Amino acid sequence: MTPEEYAEALEQERQARNARAEYEVRADYGGQFLLSRRNGARQSWGVSRYVNRETAELAAALLNRLKEDEA
């Protein structure tokens, strides 16, 4: 495998890993906002609840950025 092929394979793996899971915010009961993690199969589960939408969206953006950096 050439260095170029290796770099391309690593990039494809990184993109696939990023596509697998994503953090998102949804309105929840009681005026709260649910931060959830959704996988590639579109299944999701709650991570935390927030009273303020902006805080929830900031947390989701931070977690998505960390996920990208980790990949």
Protein backbone atom coordinates (compact mmCIF):
# COMPACT_ATOMS: atom_id res chain seq x y z
CA MET A 1 0.00 0.00 0.00
CA THR A 2 1.44 3.34 -1.00
CA PRO A 3 1.44 6.28 1.42
CA GLU A 4 -1.26 7.96 -0.67
CA GLU A 5 -3.49 4.87 -0.55
CA TYR A 6 -2.91 4.59 3.18
CA ALA A 7 -3.86 8.24 3.74
CA GLU A 8 -6.98 7.78 1.63
CA ALA A 9 -7.98 4.65 3.59
CA LEU A 10 -7.51 6.51 6.87
CA GLU A 11 -9.67 9.39 5.63
CA GLN A 12 -12.42 7.00 4.52
CA GLU A 13 -12.33 5.30 7.92
CA ARG A 14 -12.54 8.68 9.68
CA GLN A 15 -15.54 9.72 7.59
CA ALA A 16 -17.30 6.40 8.23
CA ARG A 17 -16.71 6.74 11.96
CA ASN A 18 -18.09 10.30 11.96
CA ALA A 19 -21.19 9.18 10.07
CA ARG A 20 -22.00 6.48 12.61
CA ALA A 21 -23.09 8.62 15.55
CA GLU A 22 -24.25 12.17 16.07
CA TYR A 23 -25.51 14.21 18.98
CA GLU A 24 -28.76 16.10 18.49
CA VAL A 25 -31.21 18.18 20.53
CA ARG A 26 -34.97 17.64 20.64
CA ALA A 27 -37.73 19.34 22.58
CA ASP A 28 -38.83 17.14 25.46
CA TYR A 29 -41.75 17.22 27.86
CA GLY A 30 -41.92 19.84 30.59
CA GLY A 31 -40.21 22.55 28.55
CA GLN A 32 -36.88 20.74 28.65
CA PHE A 33 -34.56 19.80 25.82
CA LEU A 34 -33.15 16.32 25.40
CA LEU A 35 -29.58 15.84 24.21
CA SER A 36 -29.45 12.46 22.52
CA ARG A 37 -26.95 10.39 20.59
CA ARG A 38 -28.16 8.90 17.29
CA ASN A 39 -26.30 6.08 15.58
CA GLY A 40 -26.02 5.20 11.89
CA ALA A 41 -29.13 3.00 12.11
CA ARG A 42 -31.10 6.09 13.25
CA GLN A 43 -31.57 4.67 16.76
CA SER A 44 -31.16 7.23 19.50
CA TRP A 45 -30.95 7.37 23.26
CA GLY A 46 -30.98 10.24 25.69
CA VAL A 47 -27.77 11.53 27.18
CA SER A 48 -28.95 14.48 29.26
CA ARG A 49 -31.78 17.01 29.65
CA TYR A 50 -31.37 20.77 29.64
CA VAL A 51 -33.74 23.59 30.57
CA ASN A 52 -32.21 25.97 28.02
CA ARG A 53 -32.14 25.09 24.28
CA GLU A 54 -28.97 27.10 23.67
CA THR A 55 -27.08 25.17 26.34
CA ALA A 56 -28.28 21.86 24.90
CA GLU A 57 -27.23 22.88 21.38
CA LEU A 58 -23.86 24.05 22.64
CA ALA A 59 -23.31 20.69 24.36
CA ALA A 60 -24.31 18.83 21.18
CA ALA A 61 -21.96 20.95 19.06
CA LEU A 62 -19.11 20.36 21.49
CA LEU A 63 -19.67 16.60 21.60
CA ASN A 64 -19.94 16.39 17.80
CA ARG A 65 -16.69 18.36 17.46
CA LEU A 66 -14.93 16.11 19.97
CA LYS A 67 -16.17 13.08 18.06
CA GLU A 68 -14.74 14.48 14.83
CA ASP A 69 -11.40 15.27 16.46
CA GLU A 70 -11.26 11.79 17.98
CA ALA A 71 -11.74 10.20 14.57
